[in-house]
Protein backbone atom coordinates (compact mmCIF):
# COMPACT_ATOMS: atom_id res chain seq x y z
CA MET A 1 0.00 0.00 0.00
CA TYR A 2 1.55 3.26 -1.13
CA THR A 3 0.64 6.00 1.37
CA ILE A 4 0.46 9.65 0.32
CA SER A 5 0.01 12.65 2.61
CA VAL A 6 -1.68 15.70 1.10
CA VAL A 7 -0.03 18.52 3.02
CA ASN A 8 0.11 22.27 3.30
CA GLN A 9 0.06 24.33 6.48
CA LYS A 10 -1.96 26.99 4.68
CA GLY A 11 -5.72 26.54 4.55
CA GLY A 12 -7.82 27.00 1.43
CA VAL A 13 -5.25 25.61 -1.01
CA GLY A 14 -7.30 22.57 -2.07
CA LYS A 15 -6.03 19.73 0.15
CA THR A 16 -9.46 18.17 0.64
CA THR A 17 -10.51 18.68 -2.98
CA THR A 18 -7.23 17.16 -4.17
CA THR A 19 -7.63 14.18 -1.85
CA ILE A 20 -11.23 13.50 -2.85
CA ALA A 21 -10.72 14.10 -6.57
CA CYS A 22 -7.64 11.86 -6.74
CA ALA A 23 -9.33 9.12 -4.71
CA THR A 24 -12.36 9.33 -7.00
CA ALA A 25 -10.28 9.19 -10.18
CA LEU A 26 -8.34 6.20 -8.82
CA HIS A 27 -11.60 4.48 -7.85
CA HIS A 28 -12.97 5.06 -11.36
CA ARG A 29 -10.03 2.99 -12.62
CA ASP A 30 -10.84 0.22 -10.12
CA ILE A 31 -7.70 0.96 -8.13
CA ARG A 32 -8.22 0.17 -4.44
CA VAL A 33 -7.84 3.35 -2.41
CA LEU A 34 -8.32 4.22 1.27
CA VAL A 35 -8.74 7.84 2.39
CA ILE A 36 -7.90 8.90 5.94
CA ASP A 37 -9.23 12.21 7.23
CA LEU A 38 -6.69 13.59 9.71
CA ASP A 39 -8.20 17.08 9.94
CA SER A 40 -10.51 18.11 12.80
CA SER A 41 -12.51 20.26 10.37
CA MET A 42 -13.83 16.93 8.98
CA ASN A 43 -14.27 18.24 5.43
CA THR A 44 -13.14 14.98 3.85
CA THR A 45 -15.39 13.01 6.20
CA ALA A 46 -18.35 15.21 5.28
CA TRP A 47 -17.64 14.71 1.58
CA CYS A 48 -17.36 10.92 1.95
CA LEU A 49 -20.26 10.54 4.38
CA GLY A 50 -22.54 13.30 3.17
CA ARG A 51 -22.61 14.75 6.70
CA HIS A 52 -20.34 15.51 9.65
CA LEU A 53 -19.54 12.81 12.17
CA GLU A 54 -21.50 12.77 15.41
CA ALA A 55 -19.62 13.14 18.69
CA ASN A 56 -20.24 9.52 19.72
CA GLU A 57 -19.02 7.97 16.44
CA ALA A 58 -15.54 6.45 16.34
CA SER A 59 -12.84 8.04 14.20
CA ILE A 60 -9.12 7.99 13.44
CA TYR A 61 -8.63 9.79 16.76
CA ASP A 62 -9.81 6.67 18.60
CA SER A 63 -7.38 4.49 16.69
CA LEU A 64 -4.36 6.67 17.42
CA VAL A 65 -5.16 7.59 21.02
CA ALA A 66 -6.39 4.09 21.93
CA GLN A 67 -3.10 2.71 20.61
CA LYS A 68 -1.21 5.18 22.80
CA ARG A 69 -3.28 4.32 25.87
CA GLY A 70 -3.44 0.59 25.21
CA ALA A 71 -1.13 -0.28 28.07
CA GLN A 72 -3.67 1.23 30.45
CA GLY A 73 -6.35 -1.13 29.20
CA GLU A 74 -8.26 1.27 26.97
CA ALA A 75 -10.39 -0.18 24.16
CA ASP A 76 -8.44 -0.91 21.00
CA TRP A 77 -9.49 0.53 17.63
CA PRO A 78 -7.58 -1.00 14.70
CA LEU A 79 -8.26 0.70 11.37
CA THR A 80 -10.20 -2.33 10.15
CA ASN A 81 -12.87 -1.46 12.74
CA LEU A 82 -13.11 2.14 11.53
CA ILE A 83 -13.09 1.81 7.75
CA GLU A 84 -16.34 2.63 5.97
CA GLU A 85 -17.36 2.66 2.34
CA SER A 86 -17.97 6.23 1.23
CA GLN A 87 -20.91 7.42 -0.82
CA LEU A 88 -18.36 7.82 -3.60
CA GLY A 89 -17.47 4.12 -3.67
CA PHE A 90 -14.00 4.10 -2.13
CA ASP A 91 -13.23 3.45 1.54
CA TYR A 92 -12.33 6.01 4.19
CA VAL A 93 -11.57 6.48 7.88
CA PRO A 94 -13.45 9.46 9.36
CA ALA A 95 -12.20 12.29 11.55
CA ASN A 96 -13.85 14.14 14.39
CA ARG A 97 -13.22 17.36 16.27
CA ASP A 98 -11.16 15.61 18.96
CA LEU A 99 -8.23 15.65 16.53
CA SER A 100 -7.73 19.31 17.41
CA ALA A 101 -6.26 18.09 20.72
CA ALA A 102 -4.27 15.18 19.27
CA ASP A 103 -0.94 17.00 18.94
CA ALA A 104 -0.36 16.87 22.69
CA GLU A 105 -1.49 13.22 22.88
CA LEU A 106 0.88 12.09 20.11
CA ALA A 107 3.88 14.31 20.75
CA ASN A 108 6.10 11.38 21.74
CA GLU A 109 4.50 8.76 19.48
CA PRO A 110 5.49 9.59 15.88
CA PHE A 111 5.10 6.00 14.61
CA LEU A 112 1.50 5.35 15.69
CA LEU A 113 -0.15 5.92 12.33
CA ALA A 114 2.61 4.06 10.52
CA ASP A 115 2.08 1.09 12.84
CA ARG A 116 -1.68 1.19 12.31
CA LEU A 117 -1.31 1.25 8.53
CA GLN A 118 1.18 -1.61 8.57
CA GLU A 119 -1.17 -3.58 10.79
CA LEU A 120 -4.01 -2.91 8.34
CA ASP A 121 -1.98 -3.94 5.31
CA ASP A 122 -0.81 -7.14 7.03
CA THR A 123 -4.37 -7.99 8.07
CA LEU A 124 -5.83 -7.49 4.60
CA ARG A 125 -3.08 -9.49 2.96
CA SER A 126 -3.36 -12.45 5.33
CA GLY A 127 -6.90 -12.45 6.72
CA PRO A 128 -9.83 -14.19 5.04
CA ALA A 129 -12.12 -11.16 5.36
CA PRO A 130 -12.08 -7.58 6.65
CA ALA A 131 -13.13 -7.01 10.24
CA SER A 132 -15.53 -4.25 9.28
CA PRO A 133 -18.64 -5.08 7.24
CA ASP A 134 -18.65 -1.47 6.03
CA MET A 135 -15.53 -1.92 3.88
CA SER A 136 -16.17 -1.98 0.15
CA SER A 137 -14.52 -5.36 -0.46
CA ASP A 138 -11.80 -7.75 0.61
CA GLY A 139 -8.16 -7.39 -0.27
CA PRO A 140 -5.34 -4.91 0.32
CA TYR A 141 -5.39 -1.31 -0.82
CA ASP A 142 -3.14 -0.01 -3.59
CA PHE A 143 -3.07 3.53 -2.20
CA CYS A 144 -3.84 5.37 1.02
CA LEU A 145 -4.40 9.13 0.80
CA ILE A 146 -4.19 11.17 4.01
CA ASP A 147 -5.89 14.57 4.11
CA CYS A 148 -3.75 16.48 6.62
CA PRO A 149 -4.71 19.47 8.77
CA PRO A 150 -3.56 23.00 7.85
CA SER A 151 -0.59 23.04 10.20
CA LEU A 152 2.94 21.72 10.62
CA GLY A 153 2.22 20.19 14.02
CA THR A 154 2.49 16.68 15.39
CA LEU A 155 -0.38 15.25 13.35
CA VAL A 156 1.28 16.24 10.10
CA TYR A 157 4.61 14.86 11.29
CA VAL A 158 2.91 11.57 12.24
CA ALA A 159 1.34 11.44 8.76
CA LEU A 160 4.69 12.04 7.05
CA ILE A 161 6.36 9.31 9.07
CA ALA A 162 3.61 6.95 7.85
CA SER A 163 3.87 8.00 4.19
CA SER A 164 5.96 7.12 1.17
CA GLY A 165 5.15 10.35 -0.64
CA LEU A 166 3.52 13.71 -0.27
CA ILE A 167 1.57 15.98 -2.54
CA ILE A 168 1.72 19.70 -1.77
CA PRO A 169 -1.32 21.59 -3.10
CA LEU A 170 -0.77 25.32 -3.24
CA GLY A 171 -2.08 28.46 -4.85
CA ALA A 172 -0.14 30.80 -7.11
CA ASP A 173 0.14 33.52 -4.49
CA GLN A 174 3.01 34.93 -2.50
CA PHE A 175 1.71 33.58 0.82
CA SER A 176 1.79 30.03 -0.54
CA LEU A 177 5.33 30.45 -1.81
CA ASP A 178 6.51 32.01 1.44
CA GLY A 179 5.13 29.10 3.49
CA LEU A 180 6.65 26.43 1.25
CA SER A 181 10.09 26.70 2.83
CA GLN A 182 8.62 25.91 6.27
CA LEU A 183 6.88 22.85 4.89
CA LEU A 184 10.09 21.66 3.23
CA THR A 185 11.86 21.99 6.58
CA THR A 186 9.25 19.70 8.15
CA PHE A 187 9.66 17.31 5.21
CA ARG A 188 13.43 17.13 5.77
CA LYS A 189 12.89 16.53 9.50
CA ALA A 190 10.49 13.66 8.76
CA ARG A 191 12.84 12.23 6.15
CA ARG A 192 15.57 11.77 8.75
CA VAL A 193 13.23 9.29 10.45
CA ASN A 194 11.52 8.01 7.29
CA PRO A 195 14.17 8.01 4.52
CA ASP A 196 11.70 6.52 2.01
CA LEU A 197 9.59 9.69 2.07
CA GLU A 198 9.63 11.66 -1.17
CA ILE A 199 7.90 14.72 -2.56
CA LEU A 200 5.69 13.47 -5.38
CA GLY A 201 4.96 16.98 -6.51
CA LEU A 202 3.68 20.48 -5.96
CA LEU A 203 0.14 20.77 -7.34
CA LEU A 204 -0.99 24.25 -8.32
CA ASN A 205 -4.68 24.79 -7.56
CA ASN A 206 -7.43 27.28 -8.33
CA LEU A 207 -5.36 29.19 -10.87
CA ASP A 208 -6.96 32.31 -12.31
CA HIS A 209 -4.95 33.58 -15.25
CA ARG A 210 -6.99 36.76 -15.49
CA TYR A 211 -4.45 38.08 -13.01
CA GLY A 212 -1.02 38.70 -14.49
CA LEU A 213 0.68 37.79 -11.23
CA THR A 214 -0.61 34.21 -11.53
CA SER A 215 1.51 33.39 -14.56
CA ASP A 216 4.54 35.10 -13.03
CA LEU A 217 4.29 33.05 -9.84
CA VAL A 218 3.77 29.80 -11.76
CA GLU A 219 6.93 30.53 -13.74
CA GLU A 220 8.80 31.40 -10.53
CA LEU A 221 7.72 28.14 -8.92
CA GLU A 222 8.67 26.03 -11.93
CA ALA A 223 12.04 27.76 -12.18
CA ALA A 224 12.75 27.04 -8.51
CA TYR A 225 11.41 23.47 -8.28
CA GLY A 226 11.56 22.16 -11.83
CA ASP A 227 9.86 18.82 -12.44
CA ARG A 228 8.73 18.62 -8.82
CA VAL A 229 5.83 20.82 -10.00
CA PHE A 230 2.99 18.78 -11.48
CA GLU A 231 2.70 19.42 -15.19
CA THR A 232 -1.08 19.35 -14.75
CA LYS A 233 -2.36 22.55 -13.16
CA VAL A 234 -5.86 22.89 -11.69
CA PRO A 235 -7.54 26.10 -12.85
CA ALA A 236 -10.34 27.92 -11.04
CA ARG A 237 -13.55 26.16 -12.02
CA ALA A 238 -17.06 26.67 -10.64
CA ARG A 239 -17.79 22.96 -11.13
CA ILE A 240 -15.08 22.16 -8.58
CA ARG A 241 -16.02 24.79 -6.01
CA GLU A 242 -19.75 24.05 -6.09
CA ALA A 243 -19.53 20.25 -5.76
CA PRO A 244 -21.71 19.39 -2.72
CA MET A 245 -21.02 16.93 0.10
CA GLY A 246 -21.43 13.28 -0.81
CA VAL A 247 -21.20 13.86 -4.56
CA ASP A 248 -18.69 12.30 -6.97
CA ILE A 249 -16.80 15.38 -8.11
CA LEU A 250 -15.99 13.84 -11.51
CA ASP A 251 -19.60 12.90 -12.15
CA HIS A 252 -20.67 16.35 -10.98
CA ALA A 253 -18.24 17.95 -13.43
CA SER A 254 -19.05 15.56 -16.28
CA GLY A 255 -18.88 17.33 -19.62
CA SER A 256 -16.35 19.90 -18.40
CA ASP A 257 -12.56 19.87 -18.52
CA VAL A 258 -12.43 19.06 -14.78
CA VAL A 259 -12.55 15.31 -15.47
CA GLU A 260 -9.62 15.58 -17.87
CA ILE A 261 -7.69 17.75 -15.42
CA TYR A 262 -7.93 15.38 -12.47
CA ASN A 263 -7.30 12.35 -14.65
CA GLY A 264 -4.15 14.17 -15.72
CA VAL A 265 -3.17 14.65 -12.08
CA VAL A 266 -3.73 10.95 -11.39
CA ASP A 267 -1.79 9.94 -14.52
CA GLU A 268 1.16 11.88 -13.12
CA LEU A 269 0.64 10.48 -9.64
CA LEU A 270 0.73 6.91 -10.96
CA GLU A 271 3.83 7.67 -12.99
CA ARG A 272 5.61 9.38 -10.10
CA THR A 273 4.87 6.47 -7.76
CA GLY A 274 5.93 3.87 -10.31
CA HIS A 275 2.42 2.50 -10.85
CA ALA A 276 1.70 3.84 -14.33
CA ASP A 277 0.42 1.40 -16.94
CA PRO A 278 2.46 1.97 -20.13
CA ALA A 279 -0.29 0.35 -22.20
CA ARG A 280 -2.92 2.82 -20.99
CA THR A 281 -3.97 5.49 -23.48
CA PRO A 282 -5.54 8.91 -22.77
CA GLU A 283 -8.83 7.57 -24.13
CA ASP A 284 -8.86 5.05 -21.26
CA ALA A 285 -8.55 7.72 -18.57
CA ASP A 286 -12.17 7.71 -17.44
CA THR A 287 -12.86 3.99 -17.77
CA ARG A 288 -13.18 1.58 -14.91
CA THR A 289 -10.66 -0.95 -16.24
CA ARG A 290 -8.04 -1.79 -13.66
CA PRO A 291 -4.47 -1.05 -14.80
CA GLN A 292 -2.46 -4.27 -14.60
CA SER A 293 0.55 -2.63 -12.92
CA THR A 294 -1.14 -1.18 -9.84
CA ALA A 295 -0.46 -4.03 -7.43
CA VAL A 296 1.88 -2.89 -4.68
């Protein structure tokens, strides 16, 4: 299972939209994907569930904190007990507001999420059936996408330790560029513990080329980071911004260039992670035929 954190300490740069759209595009190709919502705002959970989680419903917080408190006899919450099938067809693990206090709980436990994901992968590869009846089907996942909170705190660090790659969504504005150096510092810190971690790419979102500064900043970013910038850029589109909770964003945007755009992002993602199918043509991009090279 190749795990990807979608990270930026700045809010409003498209982390949740990127996570959901990529998971949806992967699911449309019959690639097994799990989404983990690690943000107390619960936007990904709301999109997958069609509503926010109630206070008494279990979430990723229970899995991480129960693991930490396990020696004291607290109830255990492996991920297999938390996974649900989303309204969009792929599986997810929900978040709740308690995550806002998780940094203090996990400050000395950077490997908790990594351990949980390894435990999940081992269980699905060896067990006869998933523990949760709400999972979409048996078998291991090809990808796990983690929607991270808008911070560079402990939760993000825990996610990076558990990941093989990260995608950095950002806008073409000076604030995004200024904050990128801080994020790269956190990346380098995590990489000392997790040397397999790599930056899959910087994904430019919500670009509005009516403003001359947009093109200038895109050029500046590409000059500084080269091929680390995704070739596919996501322009400002009403069909993206207006997609409601619980709706397949690609179906919602059917007939527009949004489908082509996010399929382009996923084509690059598969290539950058070494899972691209060389036999796949652009005409196949929105089919549900499983690429033969996606097994991890």
